[in-house]
Every structure is written in C-alpha cells, then in structure tokens.
Amino acid sequence: MGGESLDNVEIDARGLIGDRWYAVEDDEGRFASGKNTRRFRRRDAVFAYAARTEPGGVVVTRDGSRWHVGDKNLDRRLSDEMGAPVRITAEAGVPHQDMGSVSIVSTATLQWCADRWGGSPDPRRLRVNIVVDSDEPFVEERWVDRELELGSTRLRVIERVPRCRMIDIRQDGAEPGSPWLKSVAQERDMFLAVYAHVIQPGQINLGDQLQPA
C-alpha cells in the first residue's frame, strides 16, 4: 500500500518502527505486492490503497473511505478487490521487508534518473525510507560498507538495492511517466538506492544532517 511522509520517526533494530509491519496475506501465506517471489504474490490492486499511523492505530484509506486495521470489513473489501481471500496481518515468522532494514536514496540520484530517462523523480517510485538532499548523483553508493550518523541513530550501509517493476507502477499518488526499469537494467545493473542495517537505534527528524562516519 502507499506509505506516509513523516516529520520524525523512531528506529529500532528492525528499522523504522511500523514500517511494513502489516501486510495483505492470502491463504497460502504470501503477501500482496507488485511482484511474484517465494514470499510475495503480485496483486496490483493493493496500490489503490494507502496506510497511515494515527493515535488510534493504523488506518487504511481509499477514495475517501477509512478502515482501521483489524476491521473485518477491510479484509472483505480487499478480498473482493483481489479476487481471493486475503487479510491484513502483522509480521510474525516471515519478514515483511525485502533485504535491508532501512533504504536510502539521494535527491540527486532521483533527478539524474529523471533527466536521463524521463519521467518523474518522485521518491515514492522507489518506496524508500530515507531521502537525502544531495547535489551528487549516486553519492549513497559511496557509503556501502560505511557507517552513517543520522539524528540519534547509527546505520551501516550494506549493499545497493536491486529494483523490479515496482518503480514503474502508478502508486501512492506518484505518476511514474516514462518507465525506468529497462534503463536501470541496462545502465545500472538493476541497482538504485542502498540498504542499511541499524547499528544504534534512535530517532531521526526531517532536516537532520547525515554524517558518514
């Protein structure tokens, strides 16, 4: 589902608290996504919905309608949309995240992609956790195997992020425009943005300065 933009957030060993904690799960235990893998099943209807955290819990919205996670009416609506019995479940034995705890991209990287390949530089195309303001495209790739200080947290960048068709899907209010995936494969070996693990939990705030250690 579409995510939310935050002014501040707590980070624990798993990553941003609440990030991808819930997933739409089917009777085979596979999670709705834009791709098919061992854990995920492609169900593009999920991208018509958005989720955000409110004082009373997580709320899912679509076309002005609102449901709290746990509402059976929401599960019925999702099942009807996806043509299969599904429900929203909290993370248990199988992680909902892909490969890293936190994903990072720079504004310069996004703009470089848009200038070269066309389309929108909207970071929602990449569904990343942290967007760093920078004038240097792909600066985040120089941080692989390095630690970063951000707010009261400390992160270690572990690898570049392999991309899939998700970056060309209309989602979360983002209009992709020109597709990027073929160009990312041809010119960037299918990688865009980076993953990091959490070394020291803490809090980050909009406007915090990122410092490579």
N, C-alpha and C. Protein backbone atom coordinates (compact mmCIF):
# COMPACT_ATOMS: atom_id res chain seq x y z
N MET A 1 0.85 -1.19 0.00
CA MET A 1 0.00 0.00 0.00
C MET A 1 0.88 1.24 0.00
N GLY A 2 0.26 2.38 -0.28
CA GLY A 2 1.00 3.62 -0.19
C GLY A 2 1.39 3.91 1.24
N GLY A 3 2.55 4.51 1.42
CA GLY A 3 3.05 4.81 2.75
C GLY A 3 2.69 6.20 3.20
N GLU A 4 3.48 6.73 4.13
CA GLU A 4 3.21 8.05 4.68
C GLU A 4 4.51 8.82 4.84
N SER A 5 4.43 10.14 4.74
CA SER A 5 5.57 11.02 4.94
C SER A 5 5.59 11.47 6.40
N LEU A 6 6.74 11.33 7.05
CA LEU A 6 6.84 11.61 8.48
C LEU A 6 7.82 12.74 8.75
N ASP A 7 7.53 13.54 9.77
CA ASP A 7 8.46 14.58 10.22
C ASP A 7 9.50 14.00 11.17
N ASN A 8 9.17 12.93 11.86
CA ASN A 8 10.12 12.25 12.74
C ASN A 8 9.66 10.81 12.93
N VAL A 9 10.62 9.96 13.27
CA VAL A 9 10.29 8.54 13.45
C VAL A 9 11.34 7.88 14.32
N GLU A 10 10.91 6.93 15.11
CA GLU A 10 11.82 6.12 15.90
C GLU A 10 12.32 4.95 15.04
N ILE A 11 13.57 4.58 15.26
CA ILE A 11 14.18 3.46 14.56
C ILE A 11 14.68 2.46 15.59
N ASP A 12 14.28 1.19 15.41
CA ASP A 12 14.79 0.13 16.28
C ASP A 12 15.63 -0.82 15.44
N ALA A 13 16.00 -1.96 15.99
CA ALA A 13 16.90 -2.87 15.29
C ALA A 13 16.29 -3.37 13.99
N ARG A 14 14.95 -3.42 13.90
CA ARG A 14 14.28 -3.90 12.70
C ARG A 14 14.27 -2.84 11.60
N GLY A 15 14.25 -1.57 11.97
CA GLY A 15 14.15 -0.48 11.02
C GLY A 15 13.22 0.59 11.54
N LEU A 16 12.57 1.37 10.65
CA LEU A 16 11.61 2.38 11.08
C LEU A 16 10.44 1.68 11.76
N ILE A 17 10.12 2.12 12.98
CA ILE A 17 9.06 1.45 13.72
C ILE A 17 7.73 1.57 12.96
N GLY A 18 7.13 0.43 12.71
CA GLY A 18 5.87 0.40 11.97
C GLY A 18 6.03 0.17 10.48
N ASP A 19 7.25 0.34 9.95
CA ASP A 19 7.45 0.21 8.51
C ASP A 19 7.19 -1.22 8.06
N ARG A 20 6.23 -1.38 7.14
CA ARG A 20 5.89 -2.69 6.58
C ARG A 20 5.56 -3.72 7.66
N TRP A 21 5.09 -3.25 8.80
CA TRP A 21 4.73 -4.17 9.88
C TRP A 21 3.51 -5.00 9.51
N TYR A 22 2.58 -4.39 8.76
CA TYR A 22 1.39 -5.10 8.29
C TYR A 22 1.53 -5.43 6.81
N ALA A 23 0.92 -6.54 6.43
CA ALA A 23 0.89 -6.93 5.01
C ALA A 23 -0.45 -7.57 4.70
N VAL A 24 -0.81 -7.55 3.43
CA VAL A 24 -2.01 -8.23 2.96
C VAL A 24 -1.61 -9.66 2.61
N GLU A 25 -2.13 -10.62 3.36
CA GLU A 25 -1.70 -12.01 3.25
C GLU A 25 -2.83 -12.89 2.72
N ASP A 26 -2.50 -13.85 1.85
CA ASP A 26 -3.52 -14.77 1.33
C ASP A 26 -3.47 -16.10 2.08
N ASP A 27 -4.29 -17.05 1.65
CA ASP A 27 -4.40 -18.33 2.36
C ASP A 27 -3.15 -19.19 2.23
N GLU A 28 -2.27 -18.84 1.28
CA GLU A 28 -1.02 -19.58 1.13
C GLU A 28 0.12 -18.92 1.91
N GLY A 29 -0.20 -17.84 2.62
CA GLY A 29 0.81 -17.15 3.40
C GLY A 29 1.69 -16.22 2.60
N ARG A 30 1.29 -15.90 1.37
CA ARG A 30 2.07 -14.98 0.53
C ARG A 30 1.48 -13.57 0.63
N PHE A 31 2.36 -12.58 0.52
CA PHE A 31 1.98 -11.19 0.75
C PHE A 31 1.74 -10.46 -0.57
N ALA A 32 0.69 -9.64 -0.60
CA ALA A 32 0.36 -8.86 -1.80
C ALA A 32 1.49 -7.89 -2.11
N SER A 33 1.86 -7.83 -3.38
CA SER A 33 2.98 -7.00 -3.80
C SER A 33 2.83 -6.72 -5.29
N GLY A 34 3.84 -6.08 -5.86
CA GLY A 34 3.84 -5.85 -7.30
C GLY A 34 4.66 -6.88 -8.04
N LYS A 35 5.06 -7.96 -7.36
CA LYS A 35 5.93 -8.95 -7.99
C LYS A 35 5.61 -10.33 -7.41
N ASN A 36 6.04 -11.35 -8.11
CA ASN A 36 5.90 -12.72 -7.65
C ASN A 36 7.25 -13.27 -7.21
N THR A 37 7.33 -13.70 -5.96
CA THR A 37 8.52 -14.36 -5.44
C THR A 37 8.06 -15.46 -4.50
N ARG A 38 9.00 -16.05 -3.79
CA ARG A 38 8.63 -17.10 -2.83
C ARG A 38 7.71 -16.54 -1.75
N ARG A 39 7.92 -15.28 -1.35
CA ARG A 39 7.11 -14.68 -0.27
C ARG A 39 5.97 -13.83 -0.79
N PHE A 40 6.13 -13.24 -1.97
CA PHE A 40 5.18 -12.25 -2.47
C PHE A 40 4.37 -12.78 -3.64
N ARG A 41 3.13 -12.29 -3.74
CA ARG A 41 2.28 -12.59 -4.89
C ARG A 41 1.84 -11.27 -5.51
N ARG A 42 1.95 -11.19 -6.82
CA ARG A 42 1.58 -9.95 -7.50
C ARG A 42 0.07 -9.71 -7.39
N ARG A 43 -0.29 -8.63 -6.75
CA ARG A 43 -1.68 -8.20 -6.64
C ARG A 43 -1.70 -6.67 -6.75
N ASP A 44 -1.75 -6.17 -7.97
CA ASP A 44 -1.62 -4.73 -8.21
C ASP A 44 -2.74 -3.92 -7.57
N ALA A 45 -3.85 -4.55 -7.24
CA ALA A 45 -4.96 -3.82 -6.62
C ALA A 45 -4.55 -3.19 -5.28
N VAL A 46 -3.52 -3.72 -4.66
CA VAL A 46 -3.10 -3.19 -3.36
C VAL A 46 -2.62 -1.75 -3.45
N PHE A 47 -2.17 -1.33 -4.64
CA PHE A 47 -1.61 0.01 -4.79
C PHE A 47 -2.68 1.10 -4.85
N ALA A 48 -3.93 0.72 -4.90
CA ALA A 48 -5.01 1.71 -4.86
C ALA A 48 -5.30 2.16 -3.42
N TYR A 49 -4.66 1.52 -2.45
CA TYR A 49 -4.88 1.81 -1.03
C TYR A 49 -3.65 2.49 -0.43
N ALA A 50 -3.88 3.22 0.66
CA ALA A 50 -2.79 3.86 1.39
C ALA A 50 -2.99 3.61 2.88
N ALA A 51 -1.91 3.65 3.63
CA ALA A 51 -1.97 3.42 5.07
C ALA A 51 -1.23 4.52 5.80
N ARG A 52 -1.74 4.89 6.96
CA ARG A 52 -1.02 5.86 7.79
C ARG A 52 -1.29 5.56 9.26
N THR A 53 -0.38 6.04 10.08
CA THR A 53 -0.46 5.80 11.51
C THR A 53 -1.16 6.96 12.20
N GLU A 54 -2.20 6.66 12.96
CA GLU A 54 -2.92 7.67 13.73
C GLU A 54 -2.89 7.27 15.19
N PRO A 55 -3.27 8.17 16.10
CA PRO A 55 -3.24 7.82 17.54
C PRO A 55 -4.01 6.55 17.87
N GLY A 56 -5.08 6.25 17.12
CA GLY A 56 -5.87 5.06 17.39
C GLY A 56 -5.38 3.81 16.68
N GLY A 57 -4.28 3.90 15.93
CA GLY A 57 -3.76 2.74 15.21
C GLY A 57 -3.53 3.06 13.75
N VAL A 58 -3.33 2.03 12.96
CA VAL A 58 -3.08 2.18 11.53
C VAL A 58 -4.41 2.24 10.79
N VAL A 59 -4.55 3.23 9.93
CA VAL A 59 -5.78 3.44 9.16
C VAL A 59 -5.47 3.24 7.68
N VAL A 60 -6.33 2.49 7.00
CA VAL A 60 -6.21 2.26 5.57
C VAL A 60 -7.29 3.08 4.87
N THR A 61 -6.91 3.74 3.78
CA THR A 61 -7.84 4.61 3.08
C THR A 61 -7.89 4.28 1.59
N ARG A 62 -9.03 4.60 0.99
CA ARG A 62 -9.18 4.55 -0.45
C ARG A 62 -10.41 5.34 -0.84
N ASP A 63 -10.21 6.29 -1.75
CA ASP A 63 -11.34 7.06 -2.29
C ASP A 63 -12.21 7.66 -1.19
N GLY A 64 -11.57 8.15 -0.13
CA GLY A 64 -12.31 8.77 0.95
C GLY A 64 -12.81 7.82 2.01
N SER A 65 -12.75 6.51 1.76
CA SER A 65 -13.17 5.53 2.76
C SER A 65 -12.01 5.26 3.73
N ARG A 66 -12.37 4.93 4.97
CA ARG A 66 -11.37 4.69 6.02
C ARG A 66 -11.72 3.42 6.78
N TRP A 67 -10.70 2.61 7.04
CA TRP A 67 -10.87 1.42 7.87
C TRP A 67 -9.68 1.32 8.81
N HIS A 68 -9.92 0.94 10.04
CA HIS A 68 -8.82 0.61 10.94
C HIS A 68 -8.36 -0.81 10.67
N VAL A 69 -7.06 -1.03 10.74
CA VAL A 69 -6.54 -2.38 10.60
C VAL A 69 -7.16 -3.25 11.70
N GLY A 70 -7.68 -4.41 11.32
CA GLY A 70 -8.41 -5.27 12.24
C GLY A 70 -9.89 -5.30 11.93
N ASP A 71 -10.36 -4.33 11.13
CA ASP A 71 -11.76 -4.27 10.73
C ASP A 71 -12.03 -5.36 9.68
N LYS A 72 -12.93 -6.26 9.97
CA LYS A 72 -13.24 -7.35 9.05
C LYS A 72 -13.81 -6.83 7.73
N ASN A 73 -14.44 -5.65 7.78
CA ASN A 73 -14.94 -5.06 6.54
C ASN A 73 -13.80 -4.71 5.59
N LEU A 74 -12.66 -4.32 6.15
CA LEU A 74 -11.50 -4.04 5.32
C LEU A 74 -11.00 -5.32 4.65
N ASP A 75 -10.90 -6.41 5.41
CA ASP A 75 -10.46 -7.67 4.83
C ASP A 75 -11.41 -8.14 3.72
N ARG A 76 -12.71 -7.94 3.94
CA ARG A 76 -13.68 -8.33 2.90
C ARG A 76 -13.51 -7.47 1.65
N ARG A 77 -13.29 -6.18 1.85
CA ARG A 77 -13.11 -5.27 0.71
C ARG A 77 -11.86 -5.65 -0.08
N LEU A 78 -10.78 -5.93 0.62
CA LEU A 78 -9.55 -6.32 -0.05
C LEU A 78 -9.72 -7.64 -0.79
N SER A 79 -10.42 -8.58 -0.17
CA SER A 79 -10.65 -9.88 -0.82
C SER A 79 -11.44 -9.72 -2.10
N ASP A 80 -12.46 -8.86 -2.08
CA ASP A 80 -13.26 -8.61 -3.28
C ASP A 80 -12.41 -7.98 -4.37
N GLU A 81 -11.57 -7.02 -3.99
CA GLU A 81 -10.72 -6.31 -4.96
C GLU A 81 -9.71 -7.27 -5.60
N MET A 82 -9.20 -8.21 -4.82
CA MET A 82 -8.10 -9.04 -5.30
C MET A 82 -8.56 -10.40 -5.80
N GLY A 83 -9.86 -10.68 -5.68
CA GLY A 83 -10.38 -11.92 -6.20
C GLY A 83 -9.88 -13.16 -5.50
N ALA A 84 -9.52 -13.01 -4.22
CA ALA A 84 -9.04 -14.15 -3.42
C ALA A 84 -9.18 -13.78 -1.95
N PRO A 85 -9.36 -14.78 -1.08
CA PRO A 85 -9.44 -14.47 0.35
C PRO A 85 -8.10 -13.93 0.86
N VAL A 86 -8.11 -12.71 1.37
CA VAL A 86 -6.91 -12.10 1.95
C VAL A 86 -7.28 -11.40 3.25
N ARG A 87 -6.28 -11.09 4.03
CA ARG A 87 -6.49 -10.37 5.29
C ARG A 87 -5.23 -9.59 5.60
N ILE A 88 -5.35 -8.55 6.42
CA ILE A 88 -4.18 -7.81 6.87
C ILE A 88 -3.65 -8.45 8.14
N THR A 89 -2.37 -8.79 8.13
CA THR A 89 -1.76 -9.45 9.28
C THR A 89 -0.49 -8.73 9.70
N ALA A 90 -0.19 -8.79 10.98
CA ALA A 90 1.06 -8.23 11.50
C ALA A 90 2.20 -9.21 11.22
N GLU A 91 3.41 -8.68 11.18
CA GLU A 91 4.58 -9.52 10.93
C GLU A 91 4.72 -10.57 12.02
N ALA A 92 5.01 -11.79 11.60
CA ALA A 92 5.19 -12.89 12.55
C ALA A 92 6.48 -13.62 12.19
N GLY A 93 6.38 -14.87 11.71
CA GLY A 93 7.58 -15.64 11.44
C GLY A 93 8.30 -15.25 10.17
N VAL A 94 7.57 -14.72 9.18
CA VAL A 94 8.17 -14.37 7.89
C VAL A 94 8.28 -12.85 7.79
N PRO A 95 9.48 -12.31 7.57
CA PRO A 95 9.64 -10.85 7.49
C PRO A 95 8.83 -10.26 6.33
N HIS A 96 8.30 -9.07 6.56
CA HIS A 96 7.60 -8.36 5.50
C HIS A 96 8.55 -7.53 4.66
N GLN A 97 9.70 -7.19 5.18
CA GLN A 97 10.66 -6.38 4.44
C GLN A 97 11.38 -7.24 3.40
N ASP A 98 12.07 -6.55 2.49
CA ASP A 98 12.83 -7.27 1.47
C ASP A 98 14.18 -7.73 2.03
N MET A 99 15.22 -6.93 1.86
CA MET A 99 16.57 -7.40 2.16
C MET A 99 17.28 -6.59 3.25
N GLY A 100 16.92 -5.35 3.44
CA GLY A 100 17.60 -4.50 4.41
C GLY A 100 16.63 -3.84 5.36
N SER A 101 17.16 -3.35 6.49
CA SER A 101 16.30 -2.73 7.49
C SER A 101 15.82 -1.34 7.06
N VAL A 102 16.71 -0.58 6.39
CA VAL A 102 16.41 0.81 6.02
C VAL A 102 16.91 1.03 4.59
N SER A 103 16.11 1.69 3.76
CA SER A 103 16.53 2.02 2.40
C SER A 103 16.73 3.53 2.27
N ILE A 104 17.75 3.90 1.48
CA ILE A 104 18.17 5.30 1.37
C ILE A 104 18.42 5.64 -0.09
N VAL A 105 18.00 6.84 -0.52
CA VAL A 105 18.33 7.35 -1.84
C VAL A 105 18.53 8.85 -1.73
N SER A 106 19.29 9.43 -2.65
CA SER A 106 19.52 10.87 -2.65
C SER A 106 18.64 11.55 -3.69
N THR A 107 18.35 12.82 -3.45
CA THR A 107 17.56 13.59 -4.41
C THR A 107 18.30 13.72 -5.73
N ALA A 108 19.64 13.81 -5.69
CA ALA A 108 20.42 13.95 -6.92
C ALA A 108 20.34 12.68 -7.77
N THR A 109 20.29 11.53 -7.13
CA THR A 109 20.13 10.28 -7.87
C THR A 109 18.79 10.25 -8.59
N LEU A 110 17.74 10.61 -7.89
CA LEU A 110 16.41 10.63 -8.49
C LEU A 110 16.35 11.61 -9.66
N GLN A 111 16.94 12.79 -9.47
CA GLN A 111 16.90 13.80 -10.54
C GLN A 111 17.73 13.35 -11.74
N TRP A 112 18.87 12.70 -11.48
CA TRP A 112 19.70 12.18 -12.57
C TRP A 112 18.89 11.19 -13.41
N CYS A 113 18.18 10.31 -12.75
CA CYS A 113 17.36 9.32 -13.47
C CYS A 113 16.30 10.00 -14.31
N ALA A 114 15.63 11.00 -13.74
CA ALA A 114 14.58 11.71 -14.48
C ALA A 114 15.16 12.48 -15.67
N ASP A 115 16.31 13.11 -15.47
CA ASP A 115 16.93 13.88 -16.56
C ASP A 115 17.39 12.96 -17.69
N ARG A 116 17.87 11.79 -17.34
CA ARG A 116 18.43 10.87 -18.35
C ARG A 116 17.34 10.03 -19.02
N TRP A 117 16.37 9.57 -18.25
CA TRP A 117 15.40 8.62 -18.76
C TRP A 117 13.99 9.18 -18.88
N GLY A 118 13.79 10.42 -18.40
CA GLY A 118 12.45 11.00 -18.42
C GLY A 118 11.64 10.52 -17.22
N GLY A 119 10.40 10.95 -17.17
CA GLY A 119 9.54 10.53 -16.07
C GLY A 119 9.77 11.35 -14.82
N SER A 120 9.14 10.92 -13.76
CA SER A 120 9.12 11.67 -12.51
C SER A 120 10.24 11.23 -11.58
N PRO A 121 10.88 12.20 -10.86
CA PRO A 121 11.87 11.84 -9.85
C PRO A 121 11.25 11.62 -8.47
N ASP A 122 9.95 11.41 -8.42
CA ASP A 122 9.25 11.25 -7.15
C ASP A 122 9.83 10.04 -6.39
N PRO A 123 10.30 10.23 -5.15
CA PRO A 123 10.90 9.12 -4.40
C PRO A 123 9.92 7.99 -4.08
N ARG A 124 8.60 8.29 -4.18
CA ARG A 124 7.63 7.23 -3.91
C ARG A 124 7.71 6.10 -4.94
N ARG A 125 8.32 6.37 -6.09
CA ARG A 125 8.51 5.31 -7.08
C ARG A 125 9.38 4.18 -6.51
N LEU A 126 10.33 4.55 -5.65
CA LEU A 126 11.27 3.58 -5.12
C LEU A 126 10.85 3.05 -3.75
N ARG A 127 9.83 3.63 -3.13
CA ARG A 127 9.32 3.17 -1.83
C ARG A 127 10.43 3.13 -0.77
N VAL A 128 11.28 4.15 -0.80
CA VAL A 128 12.41 4.18 0.14
C VAL A 128 11.99 4.75 1.49
N ASN A 129 12.81 4.51 2.51
CA ASN A 129 12.55 5.04 3.85
C ASN A 129 13.10 6.45 4.03
N ILE A 130 14.31 6.70 3.53
CA ILE A 130 15.00 7.97 3.79
C ILE A 130 15.46 8.59 2.48
N VAL A 131 15.11 9.86 2.28
CA VAL A 131 15.55 10.62 1.11
C VAL A 131 16.53 11.68 1.59
N VAL A 132 17.74 11.64 1.06
CA VAL A 132 18.81 12.56 1.47
C VAL A 132 18.98 13.64 0.41
N ASP A 133 18.95 14.89 0.84
CA ASP A 133 19.16 16.01 -0.07
C ASP A 133 20.63 16.08 -0.45
N SER A 134 20.93 16.00 -1.74
CA SER A 134 22.33 15.98 -2.20
C SER A 134 22.41 16.54 -3.60
N ASP A 135 23.60 17.07 -3.96
CA ASP A 135 23.87 17.53 -5.32
C ASP A 135 24.65 16.51 -6.12
N GLU A 136 25.03 15.39 -5.52
CA GLU A 136 25.88 14.39 -6.17
C GLU A 136 25.10 13.11 -6.45
N PRO A 137 24.81 12.82 -7.73
CA PRO A 137 24.10 11.57 -8.04
C PRO A 137 24.86 10.34 -7.56
N PHE A 138 24.14 9.41 -7.00
CA PHE A 138 24.66 8.13 -6.55
C PHE A 138 25.68 8.26 -5.41
N VAL A 139 25.62 9.36 -4.69
CA VAL A 139 26.52 9.52 -3.55
C VAL A 139 26.31 8.42 -2.53
N GLU A 140 25.08 7.93 -2.41
CA GLU A 140 24.78 6.89 -1.43
C GLU A 140 25.54 5.59 -1.70
N GLU A 141 25.92 5.36 -2.95
CA GLU A 141 26.66 4.14 -3.26
C GLU A 141 28.08 4.17 -2.70
N ARG A 142 28.60 5.37 -2.47
CA ARG A 142 29.94 5.51 -1.87
C ARG A 142 29.93 5.17 -0.38
N TRP A 143 28.72 5.03 0.17
CA TRP A 143 28.61 4.73 1.61
C TRP A 143 28.54 3.23 1.90
N VAL A 144 28.53 2.40 0.88
CA VAL A 144 28.48 0.96 1.12
C VAL A 144 29.69 0.53 1.96
N ASP A 145 29.43 -0.25 2.99
CA ASP A 145 30.44 -0.71 3.97
C ASP A 145 30.88 0.40 4.91
N ARG A 146 30.15 1.50 4.94
CA ARG A 146 30.46 2.59 5.88
C ARG A 146 29.28 2.80 6.83
N GLU A 147 29.58 3.41 7.97
CA GLU A 147 28.53 3.75 8.92
C GLU A 147 28.11 5.20 8.73
N LEU A 148 26.83 5.47 9.02
CA LEU A 148 26.26 6.81 8.90
C LEU A 148 25.64 7.22 10.22
N GLU A 149 25.83 8.47 10.59
CA GLU A 149 25.15 9.04 11.75
C GLU A 149 24.01 9.91 11.24
N LEU A 150 22.81 9.66 11.75
CA LEU A 150 21.64 10.43 11.35
C LEU A 150 20.74 10.58 12.55
N GLY A 151 20.51 11.83 12.98
CA GLY A 151 19.78 12.04 14.22
C GLY A 151 20.53 11.35 15.34
N SER A 152 19.83 10.59 16.16
CA SER A 152 20.48 9.84 17.23
C SER A 152 20.72 8.38 16.84
N THR A 153 20.59 8.08 15.54
CA THR A 153 20.79 6.72 15.07
C THR A 153 22.15 6.56 14.40
N ARG A 154 22.55 5.32 14.28
CA ARG A 154 23.75 4.97 13.53
C ARG A 154 23.41 3.78 12.63
N LEU A 155 23.68 3.94 11.34
CA LEU A 155 23.35 2.93 10.34
C LEU A 155 24.61 2.45 9.65
N ARG A 156 24.59 1.23 9.15
CA ARG A 156 25.69 0.74 8.32
C ARG A 156 25.12 0.34 6.95
N VAL A 157 25.61 1.00 5.91
CA VAL A 157 25.15 0.71 4.55
C VAL A 157 25.76 -0.61 4.10
N ILE A 158 24.92 -1.53 3.62
CA ILE A 158 25.38 -2.89 3.34
C ILE A 158 25.44 -3.22 1.85
N GLU A 159 24.54 -2.64 1.03
CA GLU A 159 24.51 -3.02 -0.38
C GLU A 159 23.58 -2.11 -1.15
N ARG A 160 23.70 -2.17 -2.48
CA ARG A 160 22.77 -1.47 -3.35
C ARG A 160 21.45 -2.25 -3.44
N VAL A 161 20.39 -1.56 -3.80
CA VAL A 161 19.06 -2.17 -3.85
C VAL A 161 18.75 -2.64 -5.27
N PRO A 162 18.48 -3.93 -5.45
CA PRO A 162 18.03 -4.41 -6.77
C PRO A 162 16.58 -4.00 -7.01
N ARG A 163 16.29 -3.50 -8.20
CA ARG A 163 14.97 -2.97 -8.48
C ARG A 163 14.12 -3.98 -9.25
N CYS A 164 12.81 -3.73 -9.27
CA CYS A 164 11.87 -4.56 -10.01
C CYS A 164 10.82 -3.63 -10.63
N ARG A 165 9.76 -4.20 -11.19
CA ARG A 165 8.75 -3.42 -11.90
C ARG A 165 8.02 -2.42 -11.01
N MET A 166 8.19 -2.52 -9.70
CA MET A 166 7.52 -1.60 -8.78
C MET A 166 7.82 -0.14 -9.11
N ILE A 167 9.03 0.15 -9.62
CA ILE A 167 9.40 1.55 -9.84
C ILE A 167 8.62 2.18 -11.00
N ASP A 168 7.95 1.36 -11.80
CA ASP A 168 7.18 1.88 -12.93
C ASP A 168 5.68 1.76 -12.73
N ILE A 169 5.26 1.43 -11.50
CA ILE A 169 3.84 1.29 -11.19
C ILE A 169 3.29 2.61 -10.63
N ARG A 170 2.12 3.00 -11.09
CA ARG A 170 1.43 4.15 -10.51
C ARG A 170 1.01 3.78 -9.09
N GLN A 171 1.47 4.55 -8.10
CA GLN A 171 1.20 4.18 -6.71
C GLN A 171 1.36 5.38 -5.79
N ASP A 172 0.60 5.37 -4.71
CA ASP A 172 0.77 6.33 -3.62
C ASP A 172 0.71 7.78 -4.10
N GLY A 173 -0.01 8.05 -5.18
CA GLY A 173 -0.10 9.40 -5.71
C GLY A 173 1.01 9.76 -6.66
N ALA A 174 1.98 8.87 -6.85
CA ALA A 174 3.10 9.13 -7.76
C ALA A 174 2.74 8.67 -9.16
N GLU A 175 2.99 9.54 -10.14
CA GLU A 175 2.77 9.21 -11.55
C GLU A 175 4.14 8.99 -12.18
N PRO A 176 4.52 7.74 -12.50
CA PRO A 176 5.87 7.48 -12.97
C PRO A 176 6.23 8.20 -14.27
N GLY A 177 5.26 8.32 -15.20
CA GLY A 177 5.62 8.86 -16.50
C GLY A 177 6.46 7.83 -17.25
N SER A 178 7.60 8.26 -17.78
CA SER A 178 8.46 7.33 -18.53
C SER A 178 8.96 6.21 -17.63
N PRO A 179 8.96 4.98 -18.13
CA PRO A 179 9.46 3.85 -17.33
C PRO A 179 10.98 3.91 -17.16
N TRP A 180 11.44 3.39 -16.06
CA TRP A 180 12.88 3.36 -15.75
C TRP A 180 13.48 1.97 -15.76
N LEU A 181 12.69 0.94 -15.55
CA LEU A 181 13.25 -0.36 -15.22
C LEU A 181 14.23 -0.87 -16.28
N LYS A 182 13.86 -0.78 -17.56
CA LYS A 182 14.75 -1.27 -18.61
C LYS A 182 16.07 -0.51 -18.60
N SER A 183 16.01 0.79 -18.39
CA SER A 183 17.24 1.60 -18.35
C SER A 183 18.08 1.29 -17.12
N VAL A 184 17.41 1.06 -15.97
CA VAL A 184 18.14 0.69 -14.77
C VAL A 184 18.90 -0.63 -15.00
N ALA A 185 18.25 -1.55 -15.70
CA ALA A 185 18.90 -2.83 -16.00
C ALA A 185 20.09 -2.64 -16.94
N GLN A 186 19.93 -1.80 -17.96
CA GLN A 186 20.97 -1.64 -18.96
C GLN A 186 22.15 -0.80 -18.47
N GLU A 187 21.85 0.23 -17.67
CA GLU A 187 22.89 1.18 -17.32
C GLU A 187 23.34 1.12 -15.86
N ARG A 188 22.53 0.49 -15.00
CA ARG A 188 22.85 0.49 -13.58
C ARG A 188 22.88 -0.93 -13.00
N ASP A 189 22.96 -1.93 -13.86
CA ASP A 189 23.00 -3.33 -13.41
C ASP A 189 21.82 -3.69 -12.52
N MET A 190 20.71 -2.97 -12.69
CA MET A 190 19.45 -3.19 -11.97
C MET A 190 19.46 -2.62 -10.54
N PHE A 191 20.46 -1.81 -10.20
CA PHE A 191 20.56 -1.27 -8.84
C PHE A 191 20.24 0.22 -8.78
N LEU A 192 19.50 0.61 -7.73
CA LEU A 192 19.17 2.01 -7.49
C LEU A 192 18.81 2.16 -6.02
N ALA A 193 19.51 3.05 -5.30
CA ALA A 193 19.38 3.25 -3.86
C ALA A 193 20.21 2.20 -3.11
N VAL A 194 20.24 2.31 -1.78
CA VAL A 194 21.04 1.39 -0.97
C VAL A 194 20.25 0.94 0.25
N TYR A 195 20.65 -0.22 0.79
CA TYR A 195 20.11 -0.74 2.04
C TYR A 195 21.12 -0.52 3.16
N ALA A 196 20.58 -0.33 4.37
CA ALA A 196 21.42 -0.20 5.56
C ALA A 196 20.83 -1.01 6.70
N HIS A 197 21.70 -1.49 7.59
CA HIS A 197 21.28 -2.11 8.83
C HIS A 197 21.41 -1.10 9.96
N VAL A 198 20.66 -1.32 11.03
CA VAL A 198 20.67 -0.41 12.18
C VAL A 198 21.76 -0.87 13.16
N ILE A 199 22.70 0.02 13.43
CA ILE A 199 23.76 -0.25 14.41
C ILE A 199 23.36 0.28 15.78
N GLN A 200 22.78 1.47 15.77
CA GLN A 200 22.33 2.10 17.02
C GLN A 200 20.93 2.67 16.83
N PRO A 201 19.92 2.12 17.52
CA PRO A 201 18.56 2.66 17.41
C PRO A 201 18.49 4.10 17.92
N GLY A 202 17.46 4.79 17.53
CA GLY A 202 17.27 6.18 17.98
C GLY A 202 16.13 6.82 17.22
N GLN A 203 16.23 8.13 17.01
CA GLN A 203 15.18 8.88 16.31
C GLN A 203 15.80 9.72 15.23
N ILE A 204 15.11 9.84 14.09
CA ILE A 204 15.51 10.77 13.05
C ILE A 204 14.38 11.76 12.83
N ASN A 205 14.77 12.97 12.41
CA ASN A 205 13.83 14.05 12.20
C ASN A 205 14.06 14.67 10.83
N LEU A 206 13.00 15.16 10.24
CA LEU A 206 13.12 15.87 8.98
C LEU A 206 14.11 17.03 9.15
N GLY A 207 15.12 17.09 8.28
CA GLY A 207 16.12 18.14 8.37
C GLY A 207 17.40 17.74 9.08
N ASP A 208 17.44 16.54 9.68
CA ASP A 208 18.68 16.07 10.31
C ASP A 208 19.80 16.00 9.28
N GLN A 209 21.02 16.28 9.72
CA GLN A 209 22.19 16.17 8.87
C GLN A 209 22.74 14.76 8.90
N LEU A 210 22.98 14.18 7.75
CA LEU A 210 23.57 12.85 7.67
C LEU A 210 25.08 12.98 7.60
N GLN A 211 25.77 12.23 8.47
CA GLN A 211 27.22 12.29 8.53
C GLN A 211 27.82 10.91 8.33
N PRO A 212 28.54 10.68 7.21
CA PRO A 212 29.27 9.41 7.09
C PRO A 212 30.35 9.33 8.15
N ALA A 213 30.44 8.20 8.83
CA ALA A 213 31.42 8.06 9.90
C ALA A 213 32.78 7.66 9.35
